[in-house]
């Protein structure tokens, strides 16, 4: 822990800034994930503008690098344009689950045969 007054104050400032920056980063991340979810194209269009705004503000305040913001915006725009043109199909794969009880039944049958 710091002992000087200025270092104590610096620690308090860093905690506040870290919390604020973390909130902005998580907001951008959740909005980007929402872009890839199953929502109508009209909602995605309004969401895209909101994500652009958040990315630009984060870059302006040096929370993220300006080229990082630009890259993320370009990738989101490319994804949105693919969906708008109908090039991307929604991938709904069904996972097959194996019951855990099946192997136990086999073991019981083997024991009964012996």
N, C-alpha and C. Protein backbone atom coordinates (compact mmCIF):
# COMPACT_ATOMS: atom_id res chain seq x y z
N UNK A 1 0.84 -1.19 0.00
CA UNK A 1 0.00 0.00 0.00
C UNK A 1 0.88 1.24 0.00
N UNK A 2 0.43 2.27 -0.70
CA UNK A 2 1.21 3.50 -0.76
C UNK A 2 1.20 4.23 0.59
N UNK A 3 2.28 4.95 0.81
CA UNK A 3 2.39 5.68 2.08
C UNK A 3 2.27 7.19 1.87
N UNK A 4 2.65 7.67 0.71
CA UNK A 4 2.55 9.11 0.43
C UNK A 4 1.12 9.49 0.08
N UNK A 5 0.77 10.75 0.39
CA UNK A 5 -0.59 11.22 0.11
C UNK A 5 -0.90 11.19 -1.38
N UNK A 6 0.07 11.58 -2.19
CA UNK A 6 -0.18 11.64 -3.63
C UNK A 6 -0.37 10.24 -4.22
N UNK A 7 0.33 9.27 -3.66
CA UNK A 7 0.20 7.89 -4.14
C UNK A 7 -1.14 7.29 -3.73
N UNK A 8 -1.62 7.67 -2.56
CA UNK A 8 -2.93 7.20 -2.10
C UNK A 8 -4.01 7.75 -3.03
N UNK A 9 -3.89 9.02 -3.35
CA UNK A 9 -4.86 9.65 -4.24
C UNK A 9 -4.80 9.01 -5.63
N UNK A 10 -3.61 8.74 -6.11
CA UNK A 10 -3.42 8.12 -7.42
C UNK A 10 -4.10 6.74 -7.45
N UNK A 11 -4.00 5.99 -6.37
CA UNK A 11 -4.62 4.68 -6.28
C UNK A 11 -6.15 4.79 -6.36
N UNK A 12 -6.70 5.78 -5.65
CA UNK A 12 -8.15 6.00 -5.72
C UNK A 12 -8.59 6.34 -7.14
N UNK A 13 -7.82 7.19 -7.81
CA UNK A 13 -8.15 7.59 -9.18
C UNK A 13 -8.09 6.39 -10.12
N UNK A 14 -7.07 5.56 -9.96
CA UNK A 14 -6.92 4.40 -10.83
C UNK A 14 -8.07 3.43 -10.67
N UNK A 15 -8.55 3.25 -9.44
CA UNK A 15 -9.68 2.35 -9.20
C UNK A 15 -10.93 2.85 -9.92
N UNK A 16 -11.19 4.17 -9.80
CA UNK A 16 -12.37 4.74 -10.46
C UNK A 16 -12.26 4.61 -11.98
N UNK A 17 -11.10 4.94 -12.52
CA UNK A 17 -10.90 4.88 -13.97
C UNK A 17 -11.00 3.45 -14.47
N UNK A 18 -10.42 2.53 -13.72
CA UNK A 18 -10.47 1.12 -14.11
C UNK A 18 -11.91 0.62 -14.16
N UNK A 19 -12.70 0.98 -13.16
CA UNK A 19 -14.10 0.56 -13.13
C UNK A 19 -14.88 1.16 -14.30
N UNK A 20 -14.64 2.42 -14.59
CA UNK A 20 -15.34 3.09 -15.68
C UNK A 20 -14.95 2.48 -17.03
N UNK A 21 -13.65 2.26 -17.22
CA UNK A 21 -13.18 1.69 -18.48
C UNK A 21 -13.68 0.25 -18.66
N UNK A 22 -13.70 -0.51 -17.58
CA UNK A 22 -14.19 -1.89 -17.65
C UNK A 22 -15.66 -1.92 -18.05
N UNK A 23 -16.44 -1.00 -17.50
CA UNK A 23 -17.86 -0.91 -17.84
C UNK A 23 -18.04 -0.63 -19.33
N UNK A 24 -17.26 0.29 -19.86
CA UNK A 24 -17.37 0.64 -21.28
C UNK A 24 -16.98 -0.55 -22.15
N UNK A 25 -15.90 -1.24 -21.80
CA UNK A 25 -15.45 -2.40 -22.57
C UNK A 25 -16.49 -3.51 -22.55
N UNK A 26 -17.09 -3.78 -21.40
CA UNK A 26 -18.10 -4.83 -21.30
C UNK A 26 -19.38 -4.44 -22.05
N UNK A 27 -19.71 -3.15 -22.06
CA UNK A 27 -20.88 -2.69 -22.80
C UNK A 27 -20.67 -2.92 -24.29
N UNK A 28 -19.50 -2.58 -24.78
CA UNK A 28 -19.18 -2.78 -26.20
C UNK A 28 -19.22 -4.27 -26.54
N UNK A 29 -18.66 -5.08 -25.67
CA UNK A 29 -18.63 -6.53 -25.90
C UNK A 29 -20.04 -7.11 -25.95
N UNK A 30 -20.90 -6.71 -25.01
CA UNK A 30 -22.26 -7.25 -24.98
C UNK A 30 -23.08 -6.78 -26.18
N UNK A 31 -22.88 -5.54 -26.61
CA UNK A 31 -23.58 -5.05 -27.79
C UNK A 31 -23.12 -5.78 -29.05
N UNK A 32 -21.83 -6.07 -29.13
CA UNK A 32 -21.31 -6.80 -30.28
C UNK A 32 -21.87 -8.22 -30.32
N UNK A 33 -21.98 -8.85 -29.16
CA UNK A 33 -22.55 -10.19 -29.10
C UNK A 33 -24.03 -10.16 -29.48
N UNK A 34 -24.72 -9.11 -29.06
CA UNK A 34 -26.14 -8.98 -29.38
C UNK A 34 -26.33 -8.83 -30.89
N UNK A 35 -25.35 -8.24 -31.56
CA UNK A 35 -25.41 -8.10 -33.01
C UNK A 35 -25.47 -9.46 -33.69
N UNK A 36 -24.80 -10.45 -33.12
CA UNK A 36 -24.73 -11.78 -33.72
C UNK A 36 -25.87 -12.69 -33.26
N UNK A 37 -26.78 -12.17 -32.44
CA UNK A 37 -27.88 -12.99 -31.96
C UNK A 37 -29.03 -12.99 -32.98
N UNK A 38 -30.08 -13.73 -32.65
CA UNK A 38 -31.23 -13.85 -33.55
C UNK A 38 -32.24 -12.73 -33.29
N UNK A 39 -31.92 -11.54 -33.76
CA UNK A 39 -32.85 -10.43 -33.67
C UNK A 39 -33.16 -9.96 -35.08
N UNK A 40 -34.28 -9.27 -35.29
CA UNK A 40 -34.62 -8.81 -36.65
C UNK A 40 -33.59 -7.84 -37.21
N UNK A 41 -33.56 -7.76 -38.54
CA UNK A 41 -32.57 -6.92 -39.23
C UNK A 41 -32.75 -5.44 -38.89
N UNK A 42 -33.99 -5.01 -38.62
CA UNK A 42 -34.24 -3.60 -38.28
C UNK A 42 -33.59 -3.25 -36.95
N UNK A 43 -33.68 -4.18 -36.00
CA UNK A 43 -33.05 -3.94 -34.70
C UNK A 43 -31.54 -3.95 -34.82
N UNK A 44 -31.02 -4.81 -35.70
CA UNK A 44 -29.57 -4.87 -35.90
C UNK A 44 -29.06 -3.56 -36.49
N UNK A 45 -29.86 -2.94 -37.33
CA UNK A 45 -29.44 -1.69 -37.95
C UNK A 45 -29.32 -0.58 -36.91
N UNK A 46 -30.29 -0.49 -36.01
CA UNK A 46 -30.21 0.53 -34.96
C UNK A 46 -29.10 0.19 -33.96
N UNK A 47 -28.92 -1.11 -33.71
CA UNK A 47 -27.87 -1.55 -32.80
C UNK A 47 -26.48 -1.24 -33.36
N UNK A 48 -26.35 -1.35 -34.69
CA UNK A 48 -25.06 -1.06 -35.33
C UNK A 48 -24.65 0.40 -35.10
N UNK A 49 -25.61 1.30 -35.22
CA UNK A 49 -25.32 2.72 -34.97
C UNK A 49 -24.91 2.95 -33.53
N UNK A 50 -25.55 2.25 -32.61
CA UNK A 50 -25.21 2.40 -31.20
C UNK A 50 -23.81 1.86 -30.90
N UNK A 51 -23.47 0.74 -31.50
CA UNK A 51 -22.13 0.16 -31.29
C UNK A 51 -21.07 1.09 -31.88
N UNK A 52 -21.34 1.64 -33.06
CA UNK A 52 -20.42 2.61 -33.67
C UNK A 52 -20.16 3.77 -32.72
N UNK A 53 -21.22 4.29 -32.13
CA UNK A 53 -21.09 5.42 -31.23
C UNK A 53 -20.25 5.06 -30.00
N UNK A 54 -20.52 3.90 -29.41
CA UNK A 54 -19.77 3.47 -28.23
C UNK A 54 -18.29 3.26 -28.57
N UNK A 55 -18.02 2.66 -29.72
CA UNK A 55 -16.63 2.43 -30.12
C UNK A 55 -15.89 3.75 -30.35
N UNK A 56 -16.56 4.68 -31.03
CA UNK A 56 -15.92 5.98 -31.28
C UNK A 56 -15.63 6.74 -29.99
N UNK A 57 -16.58 6.70 -29.05
CA UNK A 57 -16.38 7.39 -27.78
C UNK A 57 -15.26 6.74 -26.97
N UNK A 58 -15.20 5.40 -27.01
CA UNK A 58 -14.14 4.70 -26.27
C UNK A 58 -12.77 5.02 -26.86
N UNK A 59 -12.70 5.11 -28.18
CA UNK A 59 -11.43 5.46 -28.83
C UNK A 59 -11.05 6.90 -28.52
N UNK A 60 -12.04 7.77 -28.49
CA UNK A 60 -11.79 9.19 -28.21
C UNK A 60 -11.23 9.38 -26.80
N UNK A 61 -11.73 8.56 -25.85
CA UNK A 61 -11.28 8.67 -24.46
C UNK A 61 -10.10 7.76 -24.15
N UNK A 62 -9.52 7.14 -25.17
CA UNK A 62 -8.34 6.27 -25.05
C UNK A 62 -8.59 5.04 -24.19
N UNK A 63 -9.82 4.56 -24.19
CA UNK A 63 -10.11 3.30 -23.50
C UNK A 63 -9.65 2.14 -24.37
N UNK A 64 -9.91 2.27 -25.66
CA UNK A 64 -9.36 1.34 -26.64
C UNK A 64 -8.63 2.14 -27.70
N UNK A 65 -7.76 1.50 -28.44
CA UNK A 65 -6.99 2.18 -29.48
C UNK A 65 -7.91 2.53 -30.65
N UNK A 66 -7.60 3.61 -31.35
CA UNK A 66 -8.48 4.05 -32.43
C UNK A 66 -8.50 3.05 -33.59
N UNK A 67 -7.40 2.35 -33.82
CA UNK A 67 -7.39 1.35 -34.88
C UNK A 67 -8.18 0.11 -34.48
N UNK A 68 -8.19 -0.20 -33.20
CA UNK A 68 -8.99 -1.31 -32.70
C UNK A 68 -10.47 -1.01 -32.92
N UNK A 69 -10.87 0.23 -32.61
CA UNK A 69 -12.26 0.64 -32.83
C UNK A 69 -12.61 0.55 -34.31
N UNK A 70 -11.71 1.01 -35.15
CA UNK A 70 -11.94 0.98 -36.59
C UNK A 70 -12.07 -0.45 -37.10
N UNK A 71 -11.21 -1.33 -36.63
CA UNK A 71 -11.26 -2.73 -37.05
C UNK A 71 -12.56 -3.39 -36.63
N UNK A 72 -12.99 -3.15 -35.40
CA UNK A 72 -14.23 -3.75 -34.92
C UNK A 72 -15.43 -3.22 -35.69
N UNK A 73 -15.42 -1.93 -36.00
CA UNK A 73 -16.51 -1.36 -36.77
C UNK A 73 -16.57 -1.97 -38.17
N UNK A 74 -15.41 -2.18 -38.77
CA UNK A 74 -15.35 -2.76 -40.12
C UNK A 74 -15.88 -4.19 -40.11
N UNK A 75 -15.52 -4.95 -39.10
CA UNK A 75 -15.98 -6.35 -39.03
C UNK A 75 -17.48 -6.43 -38.79
N UNK A 76 -18.00 -5.55 -37.93
CA UNK A 76 -19.43 -5.53 -37.70
C UNK A 76 -20.19 -5.11 -38.95
N UNK A 77 -19.65 -4.14 -39.67
CA UNK A 77 -20.29 -3.69 -40.90
C UNK A 77 -20.30 -4.79 -41.95
N UNK A 78 -19.19 -5.53 -42.05
CA UNK A 78 -19.11 -6.63 -43.02
C UNK A 78 -20.13 -7.71 -42.66
N UNK A 79 -20.25 -8.02 -41.38
CA UNK A 79 -21.22 -9.02 -40.94
C UNK A 79 -22.64 -8.55 -41.24
N UNK A 80 -22.93 -7.29 -40.93
CA UNK A 80 -24.26 -6.75 -41.15
C UNK A 80 -24.61 -6.77 -42.64
N UNK A 81 -23.67 -6.41 -43.49
CA UNK A 81 -23.93 -6.41 -44.93
C UNK A 81 -24.17 -7.81 -45.47
N UNK A 82 -23.46 -8.80 -44.92
CA UNK A 82 -23.69 -10.18 -45.35
C UNK A 82 -25.09 -10.63 -44.97
N UNK A 83 -25.52 -10.27 -43.78
CA UNK A 83 -26.86 -10.67 -43.33
C UNK A 83 -27.92 -9.92 -44.15
N UNK A 84 -27.67 -8.67 -44.42
CA UNK A 84 -28.62 -7.86 -45.16
C UNK A 84 -28.81 -8.42 -46.57
N UNK A 85 -27.74 -8.89 -47.18
CA UNK A 85 -27.82 -9.44 -48.53
C UNK A 85 -28.29 -10.89 -48.53
N UNK A 86 -28.36 -11.50 -47.38
CA UNK A 86 -28.83 -12.88 -47.28
C UNK A 86 -27.76 -13.90 -47.55
N UNK A 87 -26.49 -13.54 -47.47
CA UNK A 87 -25.40 -14.47 -47.73
C UNK A 87 -25.16 -15.42 -46.57
N UNK A 88 -25.49 -14.99 -45.36
CA UNK A 88 -25.22 -15.81 -44.18
C UNK A 88 -26.53 -16.48 -43.75
N UNK A 89 -26.47 -17.78 -43.55
CA UNK A 89 -27.63 -18.50 -43.04
C UNK A 89 -27.42 -18.73 -41.56
N UNK A 90 -28.51 -18.70 -40.83
CA UNK A 90 -28.43 -18.95 -39.40
C UNK A 90 -28.10 -20.41 -39.17
N UNK A 91 -27.07 -20.68 -38.42
CA UNK A 91 -26.62 -22.03 -38.14
C UNK A 91 -27.23 -22.50 -36.83
N UNK A 92 -28.21 -23.36 -36.93
CA UNK A 92 -28.85 -23.88 -35.72
C UNK A 92 -28.55 -25.37 -35.64
N UNK A 93 -27.45 -25.69 -35.03
CA UNK A 93 -27.08 -27.10 -34.90
C UNK A 93 -27.64 -27.63 -33.60
N UNK A 94 -28.07 -28.85 -33.65
CA UNK A 94 -28.63 -29.50 -32.47
C UNK A 94 -27.57 -30.44 -31.91
N UNK A 95 -27.26 -30.27 -30.67
CA UNK A 95 -26.28 -31.13 -30.03
C UNK A 95 -26.96 -32.40 -29.54
N UNK A 96 -26.34 -33.51 -29.82
CA UNK A 96 -26.86 -34.77 -29.35
C UNK A 96 -26.22 -35.07 -27.99
N UNK A 97 -27.07 -35.35 -27.05
CA UNK A 97 -26.55 -35.65 -25.72
C UNK A 97 -26.63 -37.16 -25.48
N UNK A 98 -25.63 -37.67 -24.87
CA UNK A 98 -25.58 -39.09 -24.54
C UNK A 98 -25.89 -39.22 -23.06
N UNK A 99 -26.80 -40.10 -22.75
CA UNK A 99 -27.15 -40.28 -21.35
C UNK A 99 -26.01 -40.98 -20.63
N UNK A 100 -25.76 -40.54 -19.44
CA UNK A 100 -24.66 -41.12 -18.66
C UNK A 100 -25.03 -42.49 -18.11
N UNK A 101 -26.29 -42.82 -18.11
CA UNK A 101 -26.71 -44.10 -17.54
C UNK A 101 -26.50 -45.27 -18.49
N UNK A 102 -26.35 -45.02 -19.76
CA UNK A 102 -26.19 -46.11 -20.73
C UNK A 102 -24.98 -47.01 -20.46
N UNK A 103 -23.80 -46.50 -20.21
CA UNK A 103 -22.67 -47.39 -19.94
C UNK A 103 -22.86 -48.23 -18.68
N UNK A 104 -23.54 -47.69 -17.67
CA UNK A 104 -23.76 -48.43 -16.43
C UNK A 104 -24.64 -49.64 -16.68
N UNK A 105 -25.64 -49.50 -17.54
CA UNK A 105 -26.52 -50.62 -17.85
C UNK A 105 -25.74 -51.76 -18.51
N UNK A 106 -24.81 -51.41 -19.36
CA UNK A 106 -24.00 -52.41 -20.03
C UNK A 106 -23.16 -53.15 -19.01
N UNK A 107 -22.59 -52.43 -18.06
CA UNK A 107 -21.76 -53.06 -17.03
C UNK A 107 -22.59 -54.01 -16.16
N UNK A 108 -23.82 -53.63 -15.86
CA UNK A 108 -24.67 -54.48 -15.04
C UNK A 108 -25.00 -55.77 -15.77
N UNK A 109 -25.27 -55.68 -17.06
CA UNK A 109 -25.58 -56.87 -17.85
C UNK A 109 -24.39 -57.81 -17.91
N UNK A 110 -23.20 -57.24 -18.03
CA UNK A 110 -21.98 -58.07 -18.07
C UNK A 110 -21.77 -58.78 -16.74
N UNK A 111 -22.05 -58.11 -15.64
CA UNK A 111 -21.90 -58.71 -14.32
C UNK A 111 -22.92 -59.82 -14.12
N UNK A 112 -24.13 -59.62 -14.61
CA UNK A 112 -25.17 -60.63 -14.46
C UNK A 112 -24.84 -61.89 -15.26
N UNK A 113 -24.20 -61.72 -16.41
CA UNK A 113 -23.83 -62.87 -17.25
C UNK A 113 -22.74 -63.71 -16.61
N UNK A 114 -21.89 -63.11 -15.84
CA UNK A 114 -20.76 -63.81 -15.22
C UNK A 114 -21.23 -64.61 -14.08
